[in-house]
Amino acid sequence: MKRFFTGVLALLIALAFSTSTFAQATPAAPATPAAPAVPAAPAQGKEMAEKEKEKAKERAEKEKKAERKAEKAKEKAERKAEKEKEKAERHAKKEGKKHGLDRADEAAGEHGKQGRENAREKQGR
């Protein structure tokens, strides 16, 4: 009995959805010839001019913001490039020094030599 009512309910929901979603709109009324355009009153012209000025100000502000954003991005890129250059310089200074197991040989001498040799074998050096 529950299945029957569930099925009926689902059917009602589906019908309600399909009729409301896919219903066609009523056709628009045929266009009638419009009355000749009436020139705007002087007060309306002033309001429109003020609106245009406000829009121009908003556009100018947006352009300034975009310029500032571009400038900040450029500065950020310059800082990043500078950091990369410093990093490369630090890395270049390390070229003459020994690293890893080679440095450990010099620092520790005979102590731990067997362990370092095992490590070299595992590394394939």
PDB file of N, CA and C in Angstrom:
ATOM      1  N   MET A   1       0.826  -1.188   0.000  1.00  0.00           N
ATOM      2  CA  MET A   1       0.000   0.000   0.000  1.00  0.00           C
ATOM      3  C   MET A   1       0.877   1.262   0.000  1.00  0.00           C
ATOM      4  N   LYS A   2       1.999   1.187   0.762  1.00  0.00           N
ATOM      5  CA  LYS A   2       2.902   2.339   0.814  1.00  0.00           C
ATOM      6  C   LYS A   2       3.530   2.577  -0.555  1.00  0.00           C
ATOM      7  N   ARG A   3       3.853   1.507  -1.250  1.00  0.00           N
ATOM      8  CA  ARG A   3       4.447   1.643  -2.578  1.00  0.00           C
ATOM      9  C   ARG A   3       3.466   2.305  -3.537  1.00  0.00           C
ATOM     10  N   PHE A   4       2.216   1.962  -3.418  1.00  0.00           N
ATOM     11  CA  PHE A   4       1.204   2.544  -4.285  1.00  0.00           C
ATOM     12  C   PHE A   4       1.127   4.052  -4.067  1.00  0.00           C
ATOM     13  N   PHE A   5       1.052   4.479  -2.797  1.00  0.00           N
ATOM     14  CA  PHE A   5       0.966   5.907  -2.491  1.00  0.00           C
ATOM     15  C   PHE A   5       2.253   6.635  -2.878  1.00  0.00           C
ATOM     16  N   THR A   6       3.384   5.986  -2.713  1.00  0.00           N
ATOM     17  CA  THR A   6       4.660   6.590  -3.101  1.00  0.00           C
ATOM     18  C   THR A   6       4.701   6.790  -4.609  1.00  0.00           C
ATOM     19  N   GLY A   7       4.218   5.799  -5.340  1.00  0.00           N
ATOM     20  CA  GLY A   7       4.179   5.909  -6.798  1.00  0.00           C
ATOM     21  C   GLY A   7       3.257   7.019  -7.257  1.00  0.00           C
ATOM     22  N   VAL A   8       2.089   7.124  -6.624  1.00  0.00           N
ATOM     23  CA  VAL A   8       1.127   8.160  -6.985  1.00  0.00           C
ATOM     24  C   VAL A   8       1.717   9.531  -6.682  1.00  0.00           C
ATOM     25  N   LEU A   9       2.363   9.651  -5.534  1.00  0.00           N
ATOM     26  CA  LEU A   9       2.973  10.922  -5.147  1.00  0.00           C
ATOM     27  C   LEU A   9       4.080  11.303  -6.145  1.00  0.00           C
ATOM     28  N   ALA A  10       4.902  10.346  -6.522  1.00  0.00           N
ATOM     29  CA  ALA A  10       5.966  10.618  -7.486  1.00  0.00           C
ATOM     30  C   ALA A  10       5.387  11.039  -8.828  1.00  0.00           C
ATOM     31  N   LEU A  11       4.306  10.398  -9.240  1.00  0.00           N
ATOM     32  CA  LEU A  11       3.653  10.750 -10.488  1.00  0.00           C
ATOM     33  C   LEU A  11       3.093  12.168 -10.448  1.00  0.00           C
ATOM     34  N   LEU A  12       2.480  12.549  -9.338  1.00  0.00           N
ATOM     35  CA  LEU A  12       1.936  13.903  -9.195  1.00  0.00           C
ATOM     36  C   LEU A  12       3.048  14.953  -9.249  1.00  0.00           C
ATOM     37  N   ILE A  13       4.149  14.659  -8.580  1.00  0.00           N
ATOM     38  CA  ILE A  13       5.274  15.601  -8.584  1.00  0.00           C
ATOM     39  C   ILE A  13       5.829  15.741  -9.996  1.00  0.00           C
ATOM     40  N   ALA A  14       5.962  14.617 -10.694  1.00  0.00           N
ATOM     41  CA  ALA A  14       6.479  14.656 -12.058  1.00  0.00           C
ATOM     42  C   ALA A  14       5.555  15.447 -12.972  1.00  0.00           C
ATOM     43  N   LEU A  15       4.253  15.243 -12.836  1.00  0.00           N
ATOM     44  CA  LEU A  15       3.304  15.982 -13.669  1.00  0.00           C
ATOM     45  C   LEU A  15       3.338  17.473 -13.349  1.00  0.00           C
ATOM     46  N   ALA A  16       3.391  17.808 -12.078  1.00  0.00           N
ATOM     47  CA  ALA A  16       3.435  19.222 -11.697  1.00  0.00           C
ATOM     48  C   ALA A  16       4.699  19.871 -12.244  1.00  0.00           C
ATOM     49  N   PHE A  17       5.805  19.177 -12.165  1.00  0.00           N
ATOM     50  CA  PHE A  17       7.075  19.716 -12.671  1.00  0.00           C
ATOM     51  C   PHE A  17       7.021  19.892 -14.176  1.00  0.00           C
ATOM     52  N   SER A  18       6.549  18.891 -14.866  1.00  0.00           N
ATOM     53  CA  SER A  18       6.555  18.954 -16.331  1.00  0.00           C
ATOM     54  C   SER A  18       5.606  20.032 -16.851  1.00  0.00           C
ATOM     55  N   THR A  19       4.469  20.213 -16.225  1.00  0.00           N
ATOM     56  CA  THR A  19       3.527  21.214 -16.727  1.00  0.00           C
ATOM     57  C   THR A  19       4.003  22.620 -16.395  1.00  0.00           C
ATOM     58  N   SER A  20       4.648  22.805 -15.262  1.00  0.00           N
ATOM     59  CA  SER A  20       5.079  24.161 -14.920  1.00  0.00           C
ATOM     60  C   SER A  20       6.369  24.524 -15.637  1.00  0.00           C
ATOM     61  N   THR A  21       7.228  23.555 -15.862  1.00  0.00           N
ATOM     62  CA  THR A  21       8.512  23.851 -16.477  1.00  0.00           C
ATOM     63  C   THR A  21       8.412  23.987 -17.982  1.00  0.00           C
ATOM     64  N   PHE A  22       7.654  23.140 -18.609  1.00  0.00           N
ATOM     65  CA  PHE A  22       7.618  23.108 -20.056  1.00  0.00           C
ATOM     66  C   PHE A  22       6.396  23.800 -20.656  1.00  0.00           C
ATOM     67  N   ALA A  23       5.676  24.540 -19.852  1.00  0.00           N
ATOM     68  CA  ALA A  23       4.504  25.240 -20.366  1.00  0.00           C
ATOM     69  C   ALA A  23       4.971  26.354 -21.297  1.00  0.00           C
ATOM     70  N   GLN A  24       4.208  26.567 -22.363  1.00  0.00           N
ATOM     71  CA  GLN A  24       4.583  27.604 -23.308  1.00  0.00           C
ATOM     72  C   GLN A  24       4.029  28.936 -22.835  1.00  0.00           C
ATOM     73  N   ALA A  25       4.812  29.960 -23.067  1.00  0.00           N
ATOM     74  CA  ALA A  25       4.365  31.302 -22.713  1.00  0.00           C
ATOM     75  C   ALA A  25       3.337  31.763 -23.733  1.00  0.00           C
ATOM     76  N   THR A  26       2.481  32.645 -23.322  1.00  0.00           N
ATOM     77  CA  THR A  26       1.478  33.173 -24.242  1.00  0.00           C
ATOM     78  C   THR A  26       2.191  34.072 -25.254  1.00  0.00           C
ATOM     79  N   PRO A  27       1.757  34.055 -26.492  1.00  0.00           N
ATOM     80  CA  PRO A  27       2.428  34.882 -27.494  1.00  0.00           C
ATOM     81  C   PRO A  27       2.240  36.363 -27.179  1.00  0.00           C
ATOM     82  N   ALA A  28       3.261  37.114 -27.514  1.00  0.00           N
ATOM     83  CA  ALA A  28       3.213  38.556 -27.260  1.00  0.00           C
ATOM     84  C   ALA A  28       2.222  39.207 -28.206  1.00  0.00           C
ATOM     85  N   ALA A  29       1.679  40.323 -27.765  1.00  0.00           N
ATOM     86  CA  ALA A  29       0.735  41.060 -28.597  1.00  0.00           C
ATOM     87  C   ALA A  29       1.487  41.659 -29.772  1.00  0.00           C
ATOM     88  N   PRO A  30       0.863  41.755 -30.927  1.00  0.00           N
ATOM     89  CA  PRO A  30       1.545  42.334 -32.077  1.00  0.00           C
ATOM     90  C   PRO A  30       1.947  43.771 -31.793  1.00  0.00           C
ATOM     91  N   ALA A  31       3.082  44.150 -32.339  1.00  0.00           N
ATOM     92  CA  ALA A  31       3.597  45.490 -32.104  1.00  0.00           C
ATOM     93  C   ALA A  31       2.705  46.514 -32.781  1.00  0.00           C
ATOM     94  N   THR A  32       2.445  47.577 -32.059  1.00  0.00           N
ATOM     95  CA  THR A  32       1.658  48.666 -32.618  1.00  0.00           C
ATOM     96  C   THR A  32       2.615  49.808 -32.927  1.00  0.00           C
ATOM     97  N   PRO A  33       2.292  50.622 -33.867  1.00  0.00           N
ATOM     98  CA  PRO A  33       3.195  51.725 -34.183  1.00  0.00           C
ATOM     99  C   PRO A  33       3.340  52.622 -32.954  1.00  0.00           C
ATOM    100  N   ALA A  34       4.586  52.929 -32.643  1.00  0.00           N
ATOM    101  CA  ALA A  34       4.861  53.750 -31.469  1.00  0.00           C
ATOM    102  C   ALA A  34       4.607  55.207 -31.798  1.00  0.00           C
ATOM    103  N   ALA A  35       4.313  55.943 -30.743  1.00  0.00           N
ATOM    104  CA  ALA A  35       4.105  57.380 -30.905  1.00  0.00           C
ATOM    105  C   ALA A  35       5.452  58.020 -31.208  1.00  0.00           C
ATOM    106  N   PRO A  36       5.463  59.138 -31.888  1.00  0.00           N
ATOM    107  CA  PRO A  36       6.733  59.794 -32.188  1.00  0.00           C
ATOM    108  C   PRO A  36       7.472  60.112 -30.886  1.00  0.00           C
ATOM    109  N   ALA A  37       8.790  60.026 -30.933  1.00  0.00           N
ATOM    110  CA  ALA A  37       9.614  60.264 -29.744  1.00  0.00           C
ATOM    111  C   ALA A  37       9.462  61.695 -29.291  1.00  0.00           C
ATOM    112  N   VAL A  38       9.289  61.836 -27.997  1.00  0.00           N
ATOM    113  CA  VAL A  38       9.153  63.158 -27.415  1.00  0.00           C
ATOM    114  C   VAL A  38      10.512  63.547 -26.843  1.00  0.00           C
ATOM    115  N   PRO A  39      10.998  64.706 -27.157  1.00  0.00           N
ATOM    116  CA  PRO A  39      12.297  65.086 -26.622  1.00  0.00           C
ATOM    117  C   PRO A  39      12.240  65.144 -25.096  1.00  0.00           C
ATOM    118  N   ALA A  40      13.359  64.801 -24.479  1.00  0.00           N
ATOM    119  CA  ALA A  40      13.418  64.775 -23.026  1.00  0.00           C
ATOM    120  C   ALA A  40      13.325  66.188 -22.479  1.00  0.00           C
ATOM    121  N   ALA A  41      12.705  66.270 -21.331  1.00  0.00           N
ATOM    122  CA  ALA A  41      12.601  67.559 -20.667  1.00  0.00           C
ATOM    123  C   ALA A  41      13.992  67.971 -20.184  1.00  0.00           C
ATOM    124  N   PRO A  42      14.234  69.248 -20.020  1.00  0.00           N
ATOM    125  CA  PRO A  42      15.555  69.692 -19.575  1.00  0.00           C
ATOM    126  C   PRO A  42      15.971  69.067 -18.248  1.00  0.00           C
ATOM    127  N   ALA A  43      15.037  68.849 -17.344  1.00  0.00           N
ATOM    128  CA  ALA A  43      15.372  68.253 -16.054  1.00  0.00           C
ATOM    129  C   ALA A  43      15.861  66.822 -16.247  1.00  0.00           C
ATOM    130  N   GLN A  44      15.232  66.099 -17.156  1.00  0.00           N
ATOM    131  CA  GLN A  44      15.655  64.731 -17.425  1.00  0.00           C
ATOM    132  C   GLN A  44      17.047  64.718 -18.048  1.00  0.00           C
ATOM    133  N   GLY A  45      17.340  65.671 -18.881  1.00  0.00           N
ATOM    134  CA  GLY A  45      18.644  65.766 -19.512  1.00  0.00           C
ATOM    135  C   GLY A  45      19.740  65.986 -18.485  1.00  0.00           C
ATOM    136  N   LYS A  46      19.476  66.811 -17.478  1.00  0.00           N
ATOM    137  CA  LYS A  46      20.458  67.073 -16.421  1.00  0.00           C
ATOM    138  C   LYS A  46      20.707  65.813 -15.598  1.00  0.00           C
ATOM    139  N   GLU A  47      19.613  65.106 -15.297  1.00  0.00           N
ATOM    140  CA  GLU A  47      19.753  63.863 -14.523  1.00  0.00           C
ATOM    141  C   GLU A  47      20.588  62.845 -15.289  1.00  0.00           C
ATOM    142  N   MET A  48      20.314  62.747 -16.583  1.00  0.00           N
ATOM    143  CA  MET A  48      21.077  61.798 -17.396  1.00  0.00           C
ATOM    144  C   MET A  48      22.543  62.204 -17.469  1.00  0.00           C
ATOM    145  N   ALA A  49      22.795  63.487 -17.561  1.00  0.00           N
ATOM    146  CA  ALA A  49      24.175  63.964 -17.615  1.00  0.00           C
ATOM    147  C   ALA A  49      24.893  63.644 -16.300  1.00  0.00           C
ATOM    148  N   GLU A  50      24.188  63.823 -15.192  1.00  0.00           N
ATOM    149  CA  GLU A  50      24.784  63.517 -13.895  1.00  0.00           C
ATOM    150  C   GLU A  50      25.085  62.019 -13.775  1.00  0.00           C
ATOM    151  N   LYS A  51      24.162  61.208 -14.246  1.00  0.00           N
ATOM    152  CA  LYS A  51      24.376  59.764 -14.216  1.00  0.00           C
ATOM    153  C   LYS A  51      25.590  59.383 -15.055  1.00  0.00           C
ATOM    154  N   GLU A  52      25.713  60.002 -16.214  1.00  0.00           N
ATOM    155  CA  GLU A  52      26.851  59.718 -17.089  1.00  0.00           C
ATOM    156  C   GLU A  52      28.160  60.125 -16.414  1.00  0.00           C
ATOM    157  N   LYS A  53      28.142  61.274 -15.710  1.00  0.00           N
ATOM    158  CA  LYS A  53      29.341  61.720 -14.992  1.00  0.00           C
ATOM    159  C   LYS A  53      29.719  60.714 -13.902  1.00  0.00           C
ATOM    160  N   GLU A  54      28.712  60.235 -13.184  1.00  0.00           N
ATOM    161  CA  GLU A  54      28.955  59.246 -12.124  1.00  0.00           C
ATOM    162  C   GLU A  54      29.542  57.958 -12.718  1.00  0.00           C
ATOM    163  N   LYS A  55      28.978  57.529 -13.844  1.00  0.00           N
ATOM    164  CA  LYS A  55      29.485  56.327 -14.497  1.00  0.00           C
ATOM    165  C   LYS A  55      30.933  56.529 -14.945  1.00  0.00           C
ATOM    166  N   ALA A  56      31.224  57.726 -15.460  1.00  0.00           N
ATOM    167  CA  ALA A  56      32.587  58.022 -15.904  1.00  0.00           C
ATOM    168  C   ALA A  56      33.549  57.994 -14.708  1.00  0.00           C
ATOM    169  N   LYS A  57      33.118  58.534 -13.581  1.00  0.00           N
ATOM    170  CA  LYS A  57      33.948  58.512 -12.372  1.00  0.00           C
ATOM    171  C   LYS A  57      34.195  57.077 -11.920  1.00  0.00           C
ATOM    172  N   GLU A  58      33.138  56.259 -11.942  1.00  0.00           N
ATOM    173  CA  GLU A  58      33.272  54.856 -11.548  1.00  0.00           C
ATOM    174  C   GLU A  58      34.246  54.122 -12.471  1.00  0.00           C
ATOM    175  N   ARG A  59      34.137  54.401 -13.776  1.00  0.00           N
ATOM    176  CA  ARG A  59      35.063  53.768 -14.725  1.00  0.00           C
ATOM    177  C   ARG A  59      36.497  54.205 -14.457  1.00  0.00           C
ATOM    178  N   ALA A  60      36.681  55.482 -14.148  1.00  0.00           N
ATOM    179  CA  ALA A  60      38.027  55.989 -13.864  1.00  0.00           C
ATOM    180  C   ALA A  60      38.588  55.327 -12.607  1.00  0.00           C
ATOM    181  N   GLU A  61      37.748  55.170 -11.592  1.00  0.00           N
ATOM    182  CA  GLU A  61      38.183  54.509 -10.352  1.00  0.00           C
ATOM    183  C   GLU A  61      38.569  53.054 -10.629  1.00  0.00           C
ATOM    184  N   LYS A  62      37.773  52.361 -11.433  1.00  0.00           N
ATOM    185  CA  LYS A  62      38.081  50.976 -11.763  1.00  0.00           C
ATOM    186  C   LYS A  62      39.406  50.884 -12.519  1.00  0.00           C
ATOM    187  N   GLU A  63      39.629  51.826 -13.428  1.00  0.00           N
ATOM    188  CA  GLU A  63      40.887  51.832 -14.168  1.00  0.00           C
ATOM    189  C   GLU A  63      42.067  52.066 -13.236  1.00  0.00           C
ATOM    190  N   LYS A  64      41.906  52.984 -12.278  1.00  0.00           N
ATOM    191  CA  LYS A  64      42.977  53.247 -11.308  1.00  0.00           C
ATOM    192  C   LYS A  64      43.261  52.008 -10.474  1.00  0.00           C
ATOM    193  N   LYS A  65      42.196  51.334 -10.058  1.00  0.00           N
ATOM    194  CA  LYS A  65      42.377  50.113  -9.274  1.00  0.00           C
ATOM    195  C   LYS A  65      43.117  49.063 -10.089  1.00  0.00           C
ATOM    196  N   ALA A  66      42.750  48.939 -11.350  1.00  0.00           N
ATOM    197  CA  ALA A  66      43.406  47.958 -12.216  1.00  0.00           C
ATOM    198  C   ALA A  66      44.880  48.309 -12.398  1.00  0.00           C
ATOM    199  N   GLU A  67      45.180  49.603 -12.541  1.00  0.00           N
ATOM    200  CA  GLU A  67      46.576  50.032 -12.677  1.00  0.00           C
ATOM    201  C   GLU A  67      47.366  49.716 -11.410  1.00  0.00           C
ATOM    202  N   ARG A  68      46.752  50.013 -10.242  1.00  0.00           N
ATOM    203  CA  ARG A  68      47.431  49.711  -8.970  1.00  0.00           C
ATOM    204  C   ARG A  68      47.668  48.216  -8.826  1.00  0.00           C
ATOM    205  N   LYS A  69      46.694  47.436  -9.220  1.00  0.00           N
ATOM    206  CA  LYS A  69      46.827  45.977  -9.127  1.00  0.00           C
ATOM    207  C   LYS A  69      47.953  45.486 -10.032  1.00  0.00           C
ATOM    208  N   ALA A  70      48.015  46.016 -11.242  1.00  0.00           N
ATOM    209  CA  ALA A  70      49.074  45.636 -12.174  1.00  0.00           C
ATOM    210  C   ALA A  70      50.439  46.057 -11.632  1.00  0.00           C
ATOM    211  N   GLU A  71      50.492  47.233 -11.024  1.00  0.00           N
ATOM    212  CA  GLU A  71      51.741  47.725 -10.445  1.00  0.00           C
ATOM    213  C   GLU A  71      52.200  46.828  -9.291  1.00  0.00           C
ATOM    214  N   LYS A  72      51.258  46.425  -8.456  1.00  0.00           N
ATOM    215  CA  LYS A  72      51.593  45.535  -7.341  1.00  0.00           C
ATOM    216  C   LYS A  72      52.092  44.187  -7.862  1.00  0.00           C
ATOM    217  N   ALA A  73      51.441  43.683  -8.899  1.00  0.00           N
ATOM    218  CA  ALA A  73      51.859  42.402  -9.482  1.00  0.00           C
ATOM    219  C   ALA A  73      53.272  42.512 -10.058  1.00  0.00           C
ATOM    220  N   LYS A  74      53.571  43.643 -10.680  1.00  0.00           N
ATOM    221  CA  LYS A  74      54.901  43.859 -11.234  1.00  0.00           C
ATOM    222  C   LYS A  74      55.941  43.898 -10.118  1.00  0.00           C
ATOM    223  N   GLU A  75      55.640  44.607  -9.039  1.00  0.00           N
ATOM    224  CA  GLU A  75      56.550  44.679  -7.895  1.00  0.00           C
ATOM    225  C   GLU A  75      56.766  43.292  -7.292  1.00  0.00           C
ATOM    226  N   LYS A  76      55.700  42.544  -7.186  1.00  0.00           N
ATOM    227  CA  LYS A  76      55.793  41.189  -6.629  1.00  0.00           C
ATOM    228  C   LYS A  76      56.684  40.321  -7.500  1.00  0.00           C
ATOM    229  N   ALA A  77      56.527  40.428  -8.815  1.00  0.00           N
ATOM    230  CA  ALA A  77      57.353  39.656  -9.735  1.00  0.00           C
ATOM    231  C   ALA A  77      58.826  40.053  -9.617  1.00  0.00           C
ATOM    232  N   GLU A  78      59.076  41.359  -9.440  1.00  0.00           N
ATOM    233  CA  GLU A  78      60.451  41.829  -9.269  1.00  0.00           C
ATOM    234  C   GLU A  78      61.066  41.277  -7.991  1.00  0.00           C
ATOM    235  N   ARG A  79      60.277  41.290  -6.895  1.00  0.00           N
ATOM    236  CA  ARG A  79      60.776  40.742  -5.620  1.00  0.00           C
ATOM    237  C   ARG A  79      61.076  39.255  -5.754  1.00  0.00           C
ATOM    238  N   LYS A  80      60.201  38.547  -6.437  1.00  0.00           N
ATOM    239  CA  LYS A  80      60.398  37.113  -6.622  1.00  0.00           C
ATOM    240  C   LYS A  80      61.664  36.847  -7.443  1.00  0.00           C
ATOM    241  N   ALA A  81      61.861  37.626  -8.505  1.00  0.00           N
ATOM    242  CA  ALA A  81      63.058  37.463  -9.326  1.00  0.00           C
ATOM    243  C   ALA A  81      64.318  37.753  -8.518  1.00  0.00           C
ATOM    244  N   GLU A  82      64.238  38.768  -7.662  1.00  0.00           N
ATOM    245  CA  GLU A  82      65.379  39.116  -6.812  1.00  0.00           C
ATOM    246  C   GLU A  82      65.698  37.983  -5.834  1.00  0.00           C
ATOM    247  N   LYS A  83      64.661  37.387  -5.254  1.00  0.00           N
ATOM    248  CA  LYS A  83      64.867  36.269  -4.336  1.00  0.00           C
ATOM    249  C   LYS A  83      65.497  35.082  -5.060  1.00  0.00           C
ATOM    250  N   GLU A  84      65.019  34.813  -6.266  1.00  0.00           N
ATOM    251  CA  GLU A  84      65.577  33.706  -7.050  1.00  0.00           C
ATOM    252  C   GLU A  84      67.054  33.961  -7.352  1.00  0.00           C
ATOM    253  N   LYS A  85      67.392  35.218  -7.651  1.00  0.00           N
ATOM    254  CA  LYS A  85      68.774  35.563  -7.950  1.00  0.00           C
ATOM    255  C   LYS A  85      69.648  35.343  -6.709  1.00  0.00           C
ATOM    256  N   GLU A  86      69.157  35.783  -5.551  1.00  0.00           N
ATOM    257  CA  GLU A  86      69.899  35.588  -4.301  1.00  0.00           C
ATOM    258  C   GLU A  86      70.078  34.098  -4.010  1.00  0.00           C
ATOM    259  N   LYS A  87      69.046  33.328  -4.251  1.00  0.00           N
ATOM    260  CA  LYS A  87      69.111  31.887  -4.019  1.00  0.00           C
ATOM    261  C   LYS A  87      70.161  31.252  -4.927  1.00  0.00           C
ATOM    262  N   ALA A  88      70.176  31.669  -6.187  1.00  0.00           N
ATOM    263  CA  ALA A  88      71.154  31.136  -7.129  1.00  0.00           C
ATOM    264  C   ALA A  88      72.574  31.501  -6.692  1.00  0.00           C
ATOM    265  N   GLU A  89      72.751  32.722  -6.181  1.00  0.00           N
ATOM    266  CA  GLU A  89      74.074  33.137  -5.703  1.00  0.00           C
ATOM    267  C   GLU A  89      74.517  32.302  -4.510  1.00  0.00           C
ATOM    268  N   ARG A  90      73.599  32.055  -3.591  1.00  0.00           N
ATOM    269  CA  ARG A  90      73.941  31.228  -2.421  1.00  0.00           C
ATOM    270  C   ARG A  90      74.314  29.814  -2.864  1.00  0.00           C
ATOM    271  N   HIS A  91      73.584  29.305  -3.829  1.00  0.00           N
ATOM    272  CA  HIS A  91      73.845  27.956  -4.323  1.00  0.00           C
ATOM    273  C   HIS A  91      75.201  27.905  -5.035  1.00  0.00           C
ATOM    274  N   ALA A  92      75.541  28.968  -5.767  1.00  0.00           N
ATOM    275  CA  ALA A  92      76.810  29.009  -6.490  1.00  0.00           C
ATOM    276  C   ALA A  92      77.989  28.995  -5.516  1.00  0.00           C
ATOM    277  N   LYS A  93      77.831  29.593  -4.338  1.00  0.00           N
ATOM    278  CA  LYS A  93      78.905  29.620  -3.339  1.00  0.00           C
ATOM    279  C   LYS A  93      79.197  28.224  -2.802  1.00  0.00           C
ATOM    280  N   LYS A  94      78.228  27.327  -2.875  1.00  0.00           N
ATOM    281  CA  LYS A  94      78.374  25.987  -2.318  1.00  0.00           C
ATOM    282  C   LYS A  94      79.134  25.043  -3.249  1.00  0.00           C
ATOM    283  N   GLU A  95      79.383  25.445  -4.492  1.00  0.00           N
ATOM    284  CA  GLU A  95      79.973  24.546  -5.466  1.00  0.00           C
ATOM    285  C   GLU A  95      81.346  24.039  -5.054  1.00  0.00           C
ATOM    286  N   GLY A  96      82.140  24.871  -4.415  1.00  0.00           N
ATOM    287  CA  GLY A  96      83.488  24.471  -4.043  1.00  0.00           C
ATOM    288  C   GLY A  96      83.535  23.584  -2.812  1.00  0.00           C
ATOM    289  N   LYS A  97      82.480  23.510  -2.064  1.00  0.00           N
ATOM    290  CA  LYS A  97      82.459  22.738  -0.826  1.00  0.00           C
ATOM    291  C   LYS A  97      82.009  21.312  -1.090  1.00  0.00           C
ATOM    292  N   LYS A  98      82.441  20.428  -0.202  1.00  0.00           N
ATOM    293  CA  LYS A  98      81.995  19.037  -0.308  1.00  0.00           C
ATOM    294  C   LYS A  98      80.696  18.877   0.466  1.00  0.00           C
ATOM    295  N   HIS A  99      79.896  17.924   0.002  1.00  0.00           N
ATOM    296  CA  HIS A  99      78.597  17.694   0.623  1.00  0.00           C
ATOM    297  C   HIS A  99      78.415  16.223   0.926  1.00  0.00           C
ATOM    298  N   GLY A 100      77.483  15.926   1.783  1.00  0.00           N
ATOM    299  CA  GLY A 100      77.056  14.560   2.049  1.00  0.00           C
ATOM    300  C   GLY A 100      78.151  13.674   2.599  1.00  0.00           C
ATOM    301  N   LEU A 101      78.295  12.505   1.998  1.00  0.00           N
ATOM    302  CA  LEU A 101      79.237  11.501   2.492  1.00  0.00           C
ATOM    303  C   LEU A 101      80.692  11.951   2.343  1.00  0.00           C
ATOM    304  N   ASP A 102      80.974  12.748   1.302  1.00  0.00           N
ATOM    305  CA  ASP A 102      82.341  13.227   1.117  1.00  0.00           C
ATOM    306  C   ASP A 102      82.739  14.144   2.271  1.00  0.00           C
ATOM    307  N   ARG A 103      81.861  15.020   2.656  1.00  0.00           N
ATOM    308  CA  ARG A 103      82.132  15.920   3.781  1.00  0.00           C
ATOM    309  C   ARG A 103      82.231  15.123   5.074  1.00  0.00           C
ATOM    310  N   ALA A 104      81.395  14.110   5.215  1.00  0.00           N
ATOM    311  CA  ALA A 104      81.416  13.290   6.428  1.00  0.00           C
ATOM    312  C   ALA A 104      82.744  12.556   6.554  1.00  0.00           C
ATOM    313  N   ASP A 105      83.340  12.139   5.439  1.00  0.00           N
ATOM    314  CA  ASP A 105      84.649  11.485   5.479  1.00  0.00           C
ATOM    315  C   ASP A 105      85.699  12.422   6.062  1.00  0.00           C
ATOM    316  N   GLU A 106      85.664  13.670   5.622  1.00  0.00           N
ATOM    317  CA  GLU A 106      86.642  14.628   6.122  1.00  0.00           C
ATOM    318  C   GLU A 106      86.398  14.963   7.585  1.00  0.00           C
ATOM    319  N   ALA A 107      85.138  15.146   7.945  1.00  0.00           N
ATOM    320  CA  ALA A 107      84.818  15.588   9.297  1.00  0.00           C
ATOM    321  C   ALA A 107      85.010  14.482  10.329  1.00  0.00           C
ATOM    322  N   ALA A 108      84.603  13.255  10.025  1.00  0.00           N
ATOM    323  CA  ALA A 108      84.600  12.193  11.021  1.00  0.00           C
ATOM    324  C   ALA A 108      85.837  11.310  10.957  1.00  0.00           C
ATOM    325  N   GLY A 109      86.530  11.330   9.856  1.00  0.00           N
ATOM    326  CA  GLY A 109      87.714  10.478   9.750  1.00  0.00           C
ATOM    327  C   GLY A 109      87.331   9.017   9.741  1.00  0.00           C
ATOM    328  N   GLU A 110      88.015   8.219  10.571  1.00  0.00           N
ATOM    329  CA  GLU A 110      87.777   6.775  10.610  1.00  0.00           C
ATOM    330  C   GLU A 110      86.466   6.419  11.298  1.00  0.00           C
ATOM    331  N   HIS A 111      85.989   7.265  12.168  1.00  0.00           N
ATOM    332  CA  HIS A 111      84.770   6.974  12.921  1.00  0.00           C
ATOM    333  C   HIS A 111      83.573   6.900  11.977  1.00  0.00           C
ATOM    334  N   GLY A 112      82.913   5.764  11.907  1.00  0.00           N
ATOM    335  CA  GLY A 112      81.723   5.589  11.068  1.00  0.00           C
ATOM    336  C   GLY A 112      82.031   5.329   9.616  1.00  0.00           C
ATOM    337  N   LYS A 113      83.299   5.021   9.300  1.00  0.00           N
ATOM    338  CA  LYS A 113      83.699   4.805   7.915  1.00  0.00           C
ATOM    339  C   LYS A 113      82.929   3.647   7.278  1.00  0.00           C
ATOM    340  N   GLN A 114      82.733   2.570   8.039  1.00  0.00           N
ATOM    341  CA  GLN A 114      82.025   1.407   7.502  1.00  0.00           C
ATOM    342  C   GLN A 114      80.584   1.774   7.128  1.00  0.00           C
ATOM    343  N   GLY A 115      79.916   2.543   7.966  1.00  0.00           N
ATOM    344  CA  GLY A 115      78.535   2.957   7.679  1.00  0.00           C
ATOM    345  C   GLY A 115      78.449   3.833   6.444  1.00  0.00           C
ATOM    346  N   ARG A 116      79.423   4.712   6.261  1.00  0.00           N
ATOM    347  CA  ARG A 116      79.425   5.572   5.075  1.00  0.00           C
ATOM    348  C   ARG A 116      79.678   4.767   3.815  1.00  0.00           C
ATOM    349  N   GLU A 117      80.544   3.765   3.923  1.00  0.00           N
ATOM    350  CA  GLU A 117      80.795   2.900   2.761  1.00  0.00           C
ATOM    351  C   GLU A 117      79.527   2.134   2.382  1.00  0.00           C
ATOM    352  N   ASN A 118      78.815   1.635   3.399  1.00  0.00           N
ATOM    353  CA  ASN A 118      77.542   0.953   3.124  1.00  0.00           C
ATOM    354  C   ASN A 118      76.559   1.900   2.435  1.00  0.00           C
ATOM    355  N   ALA A 119      76.525   3.132   2.906  1.00  0.00           N
ATOM    356  CA  ALA A 119      75.619   4.120   2.300  1.00  0.00           C
ATOM    357  C   ALA A 119      75.977   4.384   0.853  1.00  0.00           C
ATOM    358  N   ARG A 120      77.274   4.477   0.568  1.00  0.00           N
ATOM    359  CA  ARG A 120      77.730   4.701  -0.816  1.00  0.00           C
ATOM    360  C   ARG A 120      77.305   3.532  -1.706  1.00  0.00           C
ATOM    361  N   GLU A 121      77.428   2.323  -1.207  1.00  0.00           N
ATOM    362  CA  GLU A 121      77.023   1.154  -1.981  1.00  0.00           C
ATOM    363  C   GLU A 121      75.541   1.225  -2.321  1.00  0.00           C
ATOM    364  N   LYS A 122      74.730   1.601  -1.335  1.00  0.00           N
ATOM    365  CA  LYS A 122      73.298   1.668  -1.566  1.00  0.00           C
ATOM    366  C   LYS A 122      72.933   2.791  -2.541  1.00  0.00           C
ATOM    367  N   GLN A 123      73.718   3.868  -2.500  1.00  0.00           N
ATOM    368  CA  GLN A 123      73.459   4.989  -3.398  1.00  0.00           C
ATOM    369  C   GLN A 123      73.994   4.725  -4.798  1.00  0.00           C
ATOM    370  N   GLY A 124      74.889   3.743  -4.914  1.00  0.00           N
ATOM    371  CA  GLY A 124      75.447   3.429  -6.221  1.00  0.00           C
ATOM    372  C   GLY A 124      76.556   4.390  -6.612  1.00  0.00           C
ATOM    373  N   ARG A 125      77.281   4.921  -5.639  1.00  0.00           N
ATOM    374  CA  ARG A 125      78.375   5.882  -5.934  1.00  0.00           C
ATOM    375  C   ARG A 125      79.714   5.233  -5.885  1.00  0.00           C
TER     376      ARG A 125
END
